[in-house]
Amino acid sequence: MNIVLGCTLLIACTLIGKYSTSKYKKRVDFFEEFIRFNNVLKRNLHFKRENILKLLDYNTKNQEFSATLKSVKLKICGISRDRIYIPEFIEERDFFTSYFDCLGLDCSVGELDLLNEYELISNEKLLKIKDNCSKFSKLGSKLGFSAGMVVMILLL
């Protein structure tokens, strides 16, 4: 009985450790989606010149990024005066807030320079976040497994 309970706790602790570091994976996904969206905006400035509100209907599988774009659209339309939604796991709130506040400016040359600058910054941040993700996701699983082993040994 103790072995079954110990194995269950071992698995639970490992999963808790892995889950506690999942915010790094979410940050990587959010930044990758942001970079894709930024590239869509840059292509639009070069070729299509569509309205920014149409571009904010960008089709994404990332629910958090989609919610951010919806809040930006509501703010631009004047429907909402709330702050732009930035998920809790994103530490770079000022970076994204300033980016989304600058969308839809009239000067296409200035906006293109701004989008290029944000792309460079976000690529650097993405590399750091990916590095942290690879380090800490393994660390969380290992710590969870270690804690589970300690509990299992104490039960035996």
N, C-alpha and C. Protein backbone atom coordinates (compact mmCIF):
# COMPACT_ATOMS: atom_id res chain seq x y z
N MET A 1 0.82 -1.19 0.00
CA MET A 1 0.00 0.00 0.00
C MET A 1 0.87 1.26 0.00
N ASN A 2 1.93 1.22 0.84
CA ASN A 2 2.83 2.37 0.90
C ASN A 2 3.54 2.61 -0.44
N ILE A 3 3.84 1.53 -1.14
CA ILE A 3 4.53 1.65 -2.43
C ILE A 3 3.62 2.34 -3.45
N VAL A 4 2.35 1.94 -3.47
CA VAL A 4 1.39 2.55 -4.40
C VAL A 4 1.21 4.03 -4.07
N LEU A 5 1.05 4.34 -2.81
CA LEU A 5 0.91 5.73 -2.38
C LEU A 5 2.17 6.53 -2.69
N GLY A 6 3.32 5.92 -2.45
CA GLY A 6 4.59 6.59 -2.74
C GLY A 6 4.76 6.87 -4.23
N CYS A 7 4.42 5.89 -5.07
CA CYS A 7 4.51 6.08 -6.52
C CYS A 7 3.55 7.16 -7.00
N THR A 8 2.34 7.18 -6.42
CA THR A 8 1.36 8.21 -6.78
C THR A 8 1.88 9.59 -6.41
N LEU A 9 2.44 9.72 -5.21
CA LEU A 9 2.99 11.00 -4.79
C LEU A 9 4.21 11.40 -5.63
N LEU A 10 5.01 10.42 -6.03
CA LEU A 10 6.15 10.68 -6.88
C LEU A 10 5.70 11.28 -8.22
N ILE A 11 4.70 10.66 -8.82
CA ILE A 11 4.17 11.16 -10.09
C ILE A 11 3.54 12.53 -9.90
N ALA A 12 2.78 12.71 -8.82
CA ALA A 12 2.13 14.00 -8.56
C ALA A 12 3.17 15.11 -8.37
N CYS A 13 4.20 14.83 -7.60
CA CYS A 13 5.23 15.86 -7.37
C CYS A 13 5.97 16.20 -8.66
N THR A 14 6.23 15.20 -9.49
CA THR A 14 6.89 15.45 -10.77
C THR A 14 6.02 16.34 -11.65
N LEU A 15 4.72 16.04 -11.72
CA LEU A 15 3.80 16.85 -12.53
C LEU A 15 3.67 18.27 -11.98
N ILE A 16 3.65 18.41 -10.66
CA ILE A 16 3.57 19.74 -10.06
C ILE A 16 4.83 20.54 -10.42
N GLY A 17 5.99 19.90 -10.35
CA GLY A 17 7.23 20.57 -10.72
C GLY A 17 7.24 21.00 -12.18
N LYS A 18 6.75 20.13 -13.04
CA LYS A 18 6.69 20.47 -14.47
C LYS A 18 5.68 21.58 -14.72
N TYR A 19 4.53 21.53 -14.05
CA TYR A 19 3.50 22.54 -14.23
C TYR A 19 3.97 23.91 -13.72
N SER A 20 4.72 23.91 -12.64
CA SER A 20 5.16 25.18 -12.07
C SER A 20 6.12 25.93 -13.00
N THR A 21 6.75 25.24 -13.91
CA THR A 21 7.65 25.90 -14.85
C THR A 21 7.02 26.05 -16.24
N SER A 22 5.74 25.77 -16.37
CA SER A 22 5.09 25.87 -17.68
C SER A 22 4.92 27.32 -18.14
N LYS A 23 5.06 28.28 -17.22
CA LYS A 23 4.93 29.68 -17.62
C LYS A 23 6.00 30.07 -18.64
N TYR A 24 7.16 29.42 -18.59
CA TYR A 24 8.22 29.73 -19.55
C TYR A 24 7.82 29.29 -20.95
N LYS A 25 7.18 28.15 -21.05
CA LYS A 25 6.69 27.68 -22.36
C LYS A 25 5.60 28.61 -22.88
N LYS A 26 4.72 29.08 -22.00
CA LYS A 26 3.67 30.01 -22.41
C LYS A 26 4.28 31.33 -22.89
N ARG A 27 5.34 31.77 -22.22
CA ARG A 27 6.00 33.02 -22.65
C ARG A 27 6.64 32.84 -24.02
N VAL A 28 7.26 31.69 -24.27
CA VAL A 28 7.85 31.42 -25.58
C VAL A 28 6.77 31.46 -26.65
N ASP A 29 5.64 30.78 -26.40
CA ASP A 29 4.55 30.76 -27.37
C ASP A 29 4.00 32.17 -27.63
N PHE A 30 3.85 32.96 -26.57
CA PHE A 30 3.33 34.32 -26.71
C PHE A 30 4.27 35.19 -27.55
N PHE A 31 5.57 35.10 -27.26
CA PHE A 31 6.54 35.89 -28.01
C PHE A 31 6.62 35.45 -29.47
N GLU A 32 6.55 34.15 -29.72
CA GLU A 32 6.58 33.69 -31.11
C GLU A 32 5.37 34.20 -31.87
N GLU A 33 4.22 34.18 -31.23
CA GLU A 33 3.01 34.68 -31.87
C GLU A 33 3.11 36.19 -32.09
N PHE A 34 3.68 36.89 -31.13
CA PHE A 34 3.89 38.34 -31.27
C PHE A 34 4.79 38.65 -32.47
N ILE A 35 5.86 37.89 -32.63
CA ILE A 35 6.78 38.12 -33.75
C ILE A 35 6.07 37.85 -35.07
N ARG A 36 5.24 36.80 -35.12
CA ARG A 36 4.47 36.54 -36.34
C ARG A 36 3.52 37.70 -36.66
N PHE A 37 2.85 38.20 -35.63
CA PHE A 37 1.93 39.32 -35.83
C PHE A 37 2.68 40.57 -36.29
N ASN A 38 3.83 40.81 -35.71
CA ASN A 38 4.65 41.96 -36.10
C ASN A 38 5.04 41.85 -37.58
N ASN A 39 5.36 40.65 -38.03
CA ASN A 39 5.71 40.45 -39.44
C ASN A 39 4.51 40.69 -40.35
N VAL A 40 3.32 40.31 -39.89
CA VAL A 40 2.10 40.60 -40.66
C VAL A 40 1.92 42.11 -40.80
N LEU A 41 2.14 42.84 -39.72
CA LEU A 41 2.02 44.30 -39.78
C LEU A 41 3.05 44.90 -40.74
N LYS A 42 4.27 44.39 -40.70
CA LYS A 42 5.30 44.91 -41.59
C LYS A 42 4.96 44.63 -43.05
N ARG A 43 4.49 43.42 -43.35
CA ARG A 43 4.09 43.11 -44.73
C ARG A 43 2.94 44.01 -45.16
N ASN A 44 2.03 44.26 -44.26
CA ASN A 44 0.89 45.12 -44.58
C ASN A 44 1.35 46.53 -44.92
N LEU A 45 2.30 47.04 -44.17
CA LEU A 45 2.81 48.39 -44.46
C LEU A 45 3.50 48.46 -45.82
N HIS A 46 4.15 47.37 -46.21
CA HIS A 46 4.85 47.35 -47.49
C HIS A 46 3.90 47.20 -48.67
N PHE A 47 2.86 46.36 -48.51
CA PHE A 47 2.08 45.98 -49.68
C PHE A 47 0.60 46.37 -49.62
N LYS A 48 -0.13 45.84 -48.65
CA LYS A 48 -1.59 45.94 -48.67
C LYS A 48 -2.14 47.25 -48.16
N ARG A 49 -1.62 47.73 -47.08
CA ARG A 49 -2.11 48.95 -46.43
C ARG A 49 -3.56 48.80 -45.97
N GLU A 50 -3.86 47.68 -45.33
CA GLU A 50 -5.20 47.48 -44.79
C GLU A 50 -5.35 48.23 -43.48
N ASN A 51 -6.56 48.41 -43.08
CA ASN A 51 -6.88 49.08 -41.82
C ASN A 51 -6.37 48.24 -40.65
N ILE A 52 -5.86 48.92 -39.63
CA ILE A 52 -5.31 48.23 -38.46
C ILE A 52 -6.37 47.39 -37.75
N LEU A 53 -7.62 47.84 -37.77
CA LEU A 53 -8.68 47.09 -37.10
C LEU A 53 -8.90 45.73 -37.77
N LYS A 54 -8.74 45.67 -39.08
CA LYS A 54 -8.87 44.40 -39.78
C LYS A 54 -7.71 43.48 -39.44
N LEU A 55 -6.53 44.05 -39.29
CA LEU A 55 -5.35 43.25 -38.95
C LEU A 55 -5.42 42.71 -37.52
N LEU A 56 -6.14 43.40 -36.66
CA LEU A 56 -6.26 42.94 -35.27
C LEU A 56 -7.15 41.71 -35.15
N ASP A 57 -7.81 41.34 -36.25
CA ASP A 57 -8.56 40.07 -36.28
C ASP A 57 -7.65 38.92 -36.67
N TYR A 58 -6.36 39.11 -36.48
CA TYR A 58 -5.33 38.12 -36.79
C TYR A 58 -5.71 36.76 -36.20
N ASN A 59 -5.66 35.74 -37.03
CA ASN A 59 -6.06 34.40 -36.63
C ASN A 59 -4.90 33.71 -35.92
N THR A 60 -5.09 33.41 -34.67
CA THR A 60 -4.04 32.78 -33.88
C THR A 60 -4.64 31.65 -33.03
N LYS A 61 -3.83 30.63 -32.78
CA LYS A 61 -4.26 29.53 -31.92
C LYS A 61 -3.93 29.82 -30.46
N ASN A 62 -3.08 30.80 -30.24
CA ASN A 62 -2.69 31.18 -28.88
C ASN A 62 -3.80 32.04 -28.27
N GLN A 63 -4.52 31.49 -27.31
CA GLN A 63 -5.67 32.19 -26.73
C GLN A 63 -5.27 33.46 -26.00
N GLU A 64 -4.14 33.44 -25.35
CA GLU A 64 -3.70 34.62 -24.61
C GLU A 64 -3.38 35.77 -25.55
N PHE A 65 -2.70 35.47 -26.65
CA PHE A 65 -2.38 36.52 -27.61
C PHE A 65 -3.64 37.03 -28.30
N SER A 66 -4.55 36.13 -28.57
CA SER A 66 -5.83 36.52 -29.17
C SER A 66 -6.60 37.47 -28.25
N ALA A 67 -6.61 37.18 -26.96
CA ALA A 67 -7.28 38.05 -25.99
C ALA A 67 -6.60 39.42 -25.93
N THR A 68 -5.28 39.44 -26.06
CA THR A 68 -4.55 40.72 -26.09
C THR A 68 -4.97 41.54 -27.30
N LEU A 69 -5.02 40.90 -28.46
CA LEU A 69 -5.41 41.62 -29.68
C LEU A 69 -6.84 42.14 -29.59
N LYS A 70 -7.73 41.36 -28.98
CA LYS A 70 -9.12 41.81 -28.82
C LYS A 70 -9.19 43.05 -27.93
N SER A 71 -8.39 43.05 -26.86
CA SER A 71 -8.41 44.22 -25.97
C SER A 71 -7.82 45.45 -26.66
N VAL A 72 -6.82 45.25 -27.52
CA VAL A 72 -6.26 46.36 -28.28
C VAL A 72 -7.31 46.92 -29.24
N LYS A 73 -8.02 46.03 -29.89
CA LYS A 73 -9.05 46.46 -30.84
C LYS A 73 -10.15 47.25 -30.13
N LEU A 74 -10.59 46.78 -28.98
CA LEU A 74 -11.62 47.49 -28.21
C LEU A 74 -11.13 48.87 -27.79
N LYS A 75 -9.86 48.95 -27.44
CA LYS A 75 -9.31 50.25 -27.03
C LYS A 75 -9.21 51.21 -28.21
N ILE A 76 -8.76 50.72 -29.36
CA ILE A 76 -8.64 51.57 -30.54
C ILE A 76 -10.01 52.06 -30.99
N CYS A 77 -11.01 51.18 -30.93
CA CYS A 77 -12.38 51.55 -31.33
C CYS A 77 -13.03 52.50 -30.34
N GLY A 78 -12.46 52.63 -29.15
CA GLY A 78 -13.03 53.51 -28.13
C GLY A 78 -14.12 52.84 -27.31
N ILE A 79 -14.29 51.53 -27.49
CA ILE A 79 -15.32 50.79 -26.75
C ILE A 79 -14.88 50.57 -25.30
N SER A 80 -13.61 50.39 -25.12
CA SER A 80 -13.10 50.09 -23.78
C SER A 80 -12.02 51.10 -23.40
N ARG A 81 -12.06 51.53 -22.17
CA ARG A 81 -11.01 52.41 -21.65
C ARG A 81 -10.08 51.65 -20.72
N ASP A 82 -10.32 50.35 -20.59
CA ASP A 82 -9.48 49.51 -19.74
C ASP A 82 -8.07 49.41 -20.32
N ARG A 83 -7.18 48.97 -19.48
CA ARG A 83 -5.81 48.74 -19.94
C ARG A 83 -5.79 47.57 -20.90
N ILE A 84 -4.78 47.53 -21.74
CA ILE A 84 -4.62 46.42 -22.68
C ILE A 84 -4.31 45.16 -21.88
N TYR A 85 -4.98 44.07 -22.24
CA TYR A 85 -4.79 42.80 -21.54
C TYR A 85 -3.43 42.20 -21.90
N ILE A 86 -2.61 42.02 -20.88
CA ILE A 86 -1.34 41.32 -21.03
C ILE A 86 -1.39 40.17 -20.01
N PRO A 87 -1.18 38.92 -20.45
CA PRO A 87 -1.28 37.78 -19.52
C PRO A 87 -0.35 37.91 -18.32
N GLU A 88 -0.73 37.25 -17.24
CA GLU A 88 0.04 37.31 -15.98
C GLU A 88 1.46 36.78 -16.12
N PHE A 89 1.65 35.77 -16.98
CA PHE A 89 2.97 35.15 -17.08
C PHE A 89 3.97 35.98 -17.89
N ILE A 90 3.50 37.08 -18.48
CA ILE A 90 4.38 37.96 -19.25
C ILE A 90 4.98 39.01 -18.32
N GLU A 91 6.28 39.03 -18.23
CA GLU A 91 6.97 39.97 -17.36
C GLU A 91 7.25 41.30 -18.06
N GLU A 92 7.21 41.31 -19.39
CA GLU A 92 7.54 42.49 -20.16
C GLU A 92 6.29 43.31 -20.49
N ARG A 93 5.54 43.67 -19.48
CA ARG A 93 4.28 44.39 -19.67
C ARG A 93 4.48 45.75 -20.35
N ASP A 94 5.48 46.49 -19.91
CA ASP A 94 5.73 47.81 -20.49
C ASP A 94 6.10 47.72 -21.97
N PHE A 95 6.86 46.71 -22.31
CA PHE A 95 7.26 46.49 -23.70
C PHE A 95 6.03 46.31 -24.60
N PHE A 96 5.12 45.43 -24.18
CA PHE A 96 3.94 45.17 -25.00
C PHE A 96 2.95 46.33 -24.97
N THR A 97 2.79 46.95 -23.83
CA THR A 97 1.88 48.09 -23.74
C THR A 97 2.32 49.22 -24.66
N SER A 98 3.61 49.54 -24.66
CA SER A 98 4.09 50.61 -25.53
C SER A 98 3.98 50.22 -27.00
N TYR A 99 4.18 48.94 -27.30
CA TYR A 99 4.04 48.48 -28.69
C TYR A 99 2.60 48.67 -29.17
N PHE A 100 1.65 48.17 -28.40
CA PHE A 100 0.26 48.23 -28.84
C PHE A 100 -0.30 49.65 -28.80
N ASP A 101 0.26 50.51 -27.97
CA ASP A 101 -0.17 51.91 -27.96
C ASP A 101 0.27 52.64 -29.23
N CYS A 102 1.32 52.17 -29.87
CA CYS A 102 1.84 52.83 -31.07
C CYS A 102 1.22 52.32 -32.36
N LEU A 103 0.36 51.32 -32.29
CA LEU A 103 -0.23 50.78 -33.51
C LEU A 103 -1.16 51.80 -34.17
N GLY A 104 -1.16 51.80 -35.49
CA GLY A 104 -2.08 52.62 -36.24
C GLY A 104 -1.66 54.06 -36.42
N LEU A 105 -0.38 54.35 -36.24
CA LEU A 105 0.10 55.71 -36.48
C LEU A 105 0.02 56.03 -37.97
N ASP A 106 -0.06 57.29 -38.31
CA ASP A 106 -0.22 57.69 -39.71
C ASP A 106 1.08 57.61 -40.52
N CYS A 107 2.19 57.80 -39.89
CA CYS A 107 3.47 57.85 -40.60
C CYS A 107 3.98 56.43 -40.85
N SER A 108 3.84 55.93 -42.07
CA SER A 108 4.20 54.54 -42.34
C SER A 108 5.70 54.30 -42.24
N VAL A 109 6.53 55.27 -42.60
CA VAL A 109 7.98 55.10 -42.51
C VAL A 109 8.38 55.00 -41.04
N GLY A 110 7.86 55.89 -40.23
CA GLY A 110 8.16 55.85 -38.80
C GLY A 110 7.63 54.59 -38.14
N GLU A 111 6.45 54.17 -38.55
CA GLU A 111 5.88 52.95 -37.98
C GLU A 111 6.68 51.72 -38.40
N LEU A 112 7.15 51.69 -39.62
CA LEU A 112 7.97 50.57 -40.09
C LEU A 112 9.28 50.50 -39.31
N ASP A 113 9.90 51.65 -39.07
CA ASP A 113 11.13 51.67 -38.26
C ASP A 113 10.84 51.16 -36.85
N LEU A 114 9.71 51.57 -36.30
CA LEU A 114 9.33 51.14 -34.97
C LEU A 114 9.09 49.63 -34.93
N LEU A 115 8.40 49.10 -35.93
CA LEU A 115 8.15 47.65 -36.00
C LEU A 115 9.45 46.88 -36.15
N ASN A 116 10.38 47.39 -36.92
CA ASN A 116 11.68 46.74 -37.06
C ASN A 116 12.44 46.72 -35.74
N GLU A 117 12.37 47.84 -35.02
CA GLU A 117 13.04 47.92 -33.71
C GLU A 117 12.43 46.93 -32.72
N TYR A 118 11.11 46.87 -32.69
CA TYR A 118 10.45 45.92 -31.80
C TYR A 118 10.76 44.49 -32.19
N GLU A 119 10.92 44.23 -33.47
CA GLU A 119 11.27 42.88 -33.90
C GLU A 119 12.64 42.48 -33.39
N LEU A 120 13.61 43.39 -33.48
CA LEU A 120 14.95 43.10 -32.97
C LEU A 120 14.93 42.83 -31.47
N ILE A 121 14.24 43.69 -30.74
CA ILE A 121 14.17 43.54 -29.29
C ILE A 121 13.47 42.23 -28.92
N SER A 122 12.35 41.95 -29.59
CA SER A 122 11.60 40.75 -29.23
C SER A 122 12.34 39.48 -29.61
N ASN A 123 13.13 39.51 -30.68
CA ASN A 123 13.94 38.33 -31.01
C ASN A 123 15.00 38.07 -29.95
N GLU A 124 15.61 39.14 -29.44
CA GLU A 124 16.59 38.98 -28.36
C GLU A 124 15.93 38.42 -27.10
N LYS A 125 14.76 38.97 -26.77
CA LYS A 125 14.05 38.50 -25.59
C LYS A 125 13.63 37.04 -25.77
N LEU A 126 13.19 36.69 -26.98
CA LEU A 126 12.77 35.31 -27.25
C LEU A 126 13.92 34.33 -27.04
N LEU A 127 15.11 34.69 -27.48
CA LEU A 127 16.26 33.81 -27.26
C LEU A 127 16.52 33.59 -25.78
N LYS A 128 16.44 34.66 -24.99
CA LYS A 128 16.64 34.53 -23.55
C LYS A 128 15.55 33.67 -22.92
N ILE A 129 14.33 33.89 -23.34
CA ILE A 129 13.21 33.14 -22.78
C ILE A 129 13.31 31.66 -23.15
N LYS A 130 13.71 31.36 -24.38
CA LYS A 130 13.88 29.96 -24.79
C LYS A 130 14.98 29.29 -23.96
N ASP A 131 16.05 30.04 -23.71
CA ASP A 131 17.14 29.50 -22.89
C ASP A 131 16.63 29.20 -21.48
N ASN A 132 15.89 30.15 -20.89
CA ASN A 132 15.32 29.94 -19.56
C ASN A 132 14.33 28.78 -19.56
N CYS A 133 13.56 28.68 -20.62
CA CYS A 133 12.58 27.61 -20.72
C CYS A 133 13.26 26.24 -20.71
N SER A 134 14.32 26.11 -21.48
CA SER A 134 15.01 24.81 -21.51
C SER A 134 15.66 24.49 -20.17
N LYS A 135 16.21 25.52 -19.49
CA LYS A 135 16.84 25.29 -18.19
C LYS A 135 15.82 24.96 -17.11
N PHE A 136 14.81 25.84 -16.99
CA PHE A 136 13.91 25.73 -15.85
C PHE A 136 12.85 24.65 -16.00
N SER A 137 12.46 24.28 -17.23
CA SER A 137 11.47 23.23 -17.35
C SER A 137 12.06 21.89 -16.90
N LYS A 138 13.32 21.66 -17.25
CA LYS A 138 13.99 20.44 -16.77
C LYS A 138 14.21 20.51 -15.27
N LEU A 139 14.57 21.68 -14.78
CA LEU A 139 14.81 21.85 -13.35
C LEU A 139 13.54 21.60 -12.54
N GLY A 140 12.40 22.12 -13.02
CA GLY A 140 11.15 21.92 -12.31
C GLY A 140 10.77 20.45 -12.22
N SER A 141 10.94 19.73 -13.32
CA SER A 141 10.64 18.30 -13.32
C SER A 141 11.58 17.55 -12.38
N LYS A 142 12.85 17.91 -12.41
CA LYS A 142 13.82 17.23 -11.55
C LYS A 142 13.55 17.50 -10.07
N LEU A 143 13.23 18.76 -9.74
CA LEU A 143 12.93 19.08 -8.35
C LEU A 143 11.65 18.39 -7.88
N GLY A 144 10.66 18.35 -8.75
CA GLY A 144 9.43 17.64 -8.41
C GLY A 144 9.67 16.16 -8.20
N PHE A 145 10.48 15.57 -9.07
CA PHE A 145 10.82 14.16 -8.94
C PHE A 145 11.59 13.91 -7.65
N SER A 146 12.53 14.81 -7.34
CA SER A 146 13.33 14.66 -6.11
C SER A 146 12.45 14.76 -4.86
N ALA A 147 11.54 15.73 -4.87
CA ALA A 147 10.64 15.86 -3.73
C ALA A 147 9.76 14.63 -3.60
N GLY A 148 9.29 14.11 -4.73
CA GLY A 148 8.49 12.89 -4.70
C GLY A 148 9.28 11.69 -4.17
N MET A 149 10.55 11.61 -4.54
CA MET A 149 11.39 10.51 -4.05
C MET A 149 11.59 10.61 -2.54
N VAL A 150 11.78 11.82 -2.05
CA VAL A 150 11.96 12.03 -0.61
C VAL A 150 10.70 11.57 0.12
N VAL A 151 9.55 11.96 -0.37
CA VAL A 151 8.28 11.57 0.26
C VAL A 151 8.10 10.06 0.19
N MET A 152 8.45 9.46 -0.96
CA MET A 152 8.31 8.01 -1.12
C MET A 152 9.22 7.27 -0.14
N ILE A 153 10.45 7.74 0.01
CA ILE A 153 11.39 7.10 0.94
C ILE A 153 10.89 7.24 2.37
N LEU A 154 10.35 8.41 2.72
CA LEU A 154 9.83 8.60 4.07
C LEU A 154 8.63 7.69 4.34
N LEU A 155 7.84 7.42 3.33
CA LEU A 155 6.68 6.55 3.51
C LEU A 155 7.09 5.09 3.68
N LEU A 156 8.19 4.71 3.04
CA LEU A 156 8.64 3.32 3.16
C LEU A 156 9.34 3.15 4.46
